[in-house]
């Protein structure tokens, strides 16, 4: 949980919800790669990470997105810089976790 300079609230965590509210450009609109938080079968939900930005009074969702790939993803810490960019770190079991060009390590190395 981070509080922006303008009072907006930034939050990250994990969810198994298939209807987590997503909005904003660049948002990932489905849980896991199958959209069901389910990598192995109908009775094995796995958590996907999420990030969200809400108004300080919690009345408006400015941005919401899943964060992860086909496996379990857990954002553990988040920090907001002075320009309003949110940085999230955690662990993943997703071989297809999304990375950006120039990432320090863009490949899955096994484990979490």
Protein backbone atom coordinates (compact mmCIF):
# COMPACT_ATOMS: atom_id res chain seq x y z
CA UNK A 1 0.00 0.00 0.00
CA UNK A 2 1.40 3.36 -1.02
CA UNK A 3 -0.07 6.84 -0.76
CA UNK A 4 0.52 9.20 -3.68
CA UNK A 5 1.28 12.91 -3.30
CA UNK A 6 -2.26 13.75 -4.46
CA UNK A 7 -3.86 11.32 -1.99
CA UNK A 8 -4.39 8.45 -4.44
CA UNK A 9 -3.92 4.96 -3.01
CA UNK A 10 -1.72 2.41 -4.75
CA UNK A 11 -2.08 -1.23 -3.77
CA UNK A 12 -0.67 -4.56 -4.91
CA UNK A 13 -1.32 -8.13 -3.85
CA UNK A 14 -2.58 -11.45 -5.09
CA UNK A 15 -6.01 -12.72 -6.06
CA UNK A 16 -7.78 -15.79 -7.37
CA UNK A 17 -10.76 -13.71 -8.48
CA UNK A 18 -11.71 -14.10 -12.13
CA UNK A 19 -13.57 -10.77 -12.05
CA UNK A 20 -10.97 -8.47 -10.48
CA UNK A 21 -11.79 -4.98 -11.79
CA UNK A 22 -9.36 -4.03 -14.55
CA UNK A 23 -9.16 -0.71 -16.31
CA UNK A 24 -6.63 1.57 -17.95
CA UNK A 25 -4.26 1.30 -20.85
CA UNK A 26 -1.85 -1.60 -20.63
CA UNK A 27 -3.90 -3.52 -18.13
CA UNK A 28 -3.92 -7.33 -18.10
CA UNK A 29 -7.60 -8.22 -18.12
CA UNK A 30 -7.47 -11.95 -17.32
CA UNK A 31 -6.26 -13.98 -14.37
CA UNK A 32 -3.47 -16.33 -15.39
CA UNK A 33 -3.02 -17.23 -19.02
CA UNK A 34 -6.35 -19.07 -19.12
CA UNK A 35 -8.45 -16.30 -17.57
CA UNK A 36 -9.48 -18.60 -14.72
CA UNK A 37 -6.53 -18.47 -12.27
CA UNK A 38 -6.31 -22.15 -13.07
CA UNK A 39 -3.19 -23.67 -14.60
CA UNK A 40 -3.92 -27.34 -13.98
CA UNK A 41 -7.65 -28.00 -13.60
CA UNK A 42 -10.99 -26.68 -12.38
CA UNK A 43 -10.24 -27.34 -8.69
CA UNK A 44 -6.81 -25.79 -8.39
CA UNK A 45 -7.07 -21.99 -8.33
CA UNK A 46 -3.71 -20.25 -8.33
CA UNK A 47 -3.11 -16.66 -7.37
CA UNK A 48 -2.24 -13.99 -9.87
CA UNK A 49 -0.76 -10.69 -8.81
CA UNK A 50 -2.61 -7.41 -9.13
CA UNK A 51 -1.92 -3.69 -8.99
CA UNK A 52 -4.46 -0.92 -8.57
CA UNK A 53 -4.69 2.85 -8.15
CA UNK A 54 -7.74 4.28 -6.38
CA UNK A 55 -8.89 7.70 -5.30
CA UNK A 56 -8.07 8.61 -1.71
CA UNK A 57 -11.72 8.25 -0.68
CA UNK A 58 -11.91 4.84 -2.48
CA UNK A 59 -14.78 6.01 -4.66
CA UNK A 60 -12.96 5.67 -7.99
CA UNK A 61 -10.72 3.03 -9.59
CA UNK A 62 -8.21 4.79 -11.86
CA UNK A 63 -6.23 1.68 -12.79
CA UNK A 64 -6.55 -2.04 -12.09
CA UNK A 65 -4.60 -4.90 -13.62
CA UNK A 66 -3.64 -8.49 -13.06
CA UNK A 67 0.13 -8.94 -12.92
CA UNK A 68 1.61 -12.27 -13.89
CA UNK A 69 1.58 -15.22 -16.18
CA UNK A 70 0.23 -18.77 -16.20
CA UNK A 71 1.70 -19.79 -12.82
CA UNK A 72 1.35 -18.35 -9.34
CA UNK A 73 2.52 -14.75 -8.97
CA UNK A 74 2.88 -12.90 -5.67
CA UNK A 75 3.75 -9.22 -5.42
CA UNK A 76 5.37 -8.84 -2.01
CA UNK A 77 6.54 -5.21 -1.84
CA UNK A 78 5.71 -2.00 -3.68
CA UNK A 79 7.09 1.51 -3.62
CA UNK A 80 6.08 4.73 -5.31
CA UNK A 81 8.73 7.11 -6.62
CA UNK A 82 8.55 10.91 -6.64
CA UNK A 83 7.19 10.98 -10.19
CA UNK A 84 4.28 8.65 -9.38
CA UNK A 85 5.67 5.42 -10.84
CA UNK A 86 4.86 2.27 -8.86
CA UNK A 87 7.55 -0.41 -8.58
CA UNK A 88 6.46 -3.90 -7.52
CA UNK A 89 8.65 -6.88 -6.58
CA UNK A 90 7.80 -10.40 -5.52
CA UNK A 91 8.04 -13.96 -6.72
CA UNK A 92 6.65 -15.95 -9.61
CA UNK A 93 6.24 -19.50 -10.79
CA UNK A 94 5.25 -18.31 -14.25
CA UNK A 95 7.52 -19.27 -17.12
CA UNK A 96 5.67 -16.62 -19.16
CA UNK A 97 5.83 -13.74 -16.64
CA UNK A 98 5.72 -10.55 -18.72
CA UNK A 99 8.94 -8.59 -19.04
CA UNK A 100 9.90 -5.46 -20.92
CA UNK A 101 12.75 -4.92 -23.36
CA UNK A 102 15.97 -4.26 -21.47
CA UNK A 103 14.87 -6.16 -18.36
CA UNK A 104 17.78 -7.35 -16.19
CA UNK A 105 16.66 -10.97 -16.57
CA UNK A 106 13.80 -11.73 -18.95
CA UNK A 107 13.79 -15.51 -18.52
CA UNK A 108 12.31 -17.85 -15.93
CA UNK A 109 15.05 -19.62 -13.98
CA UNK A 110 12.97 -22.20 -12.10
CA UNK A 111 11.60 -22.17 -8.55
CA UNK A 112 10.06 -19.02 -7.14
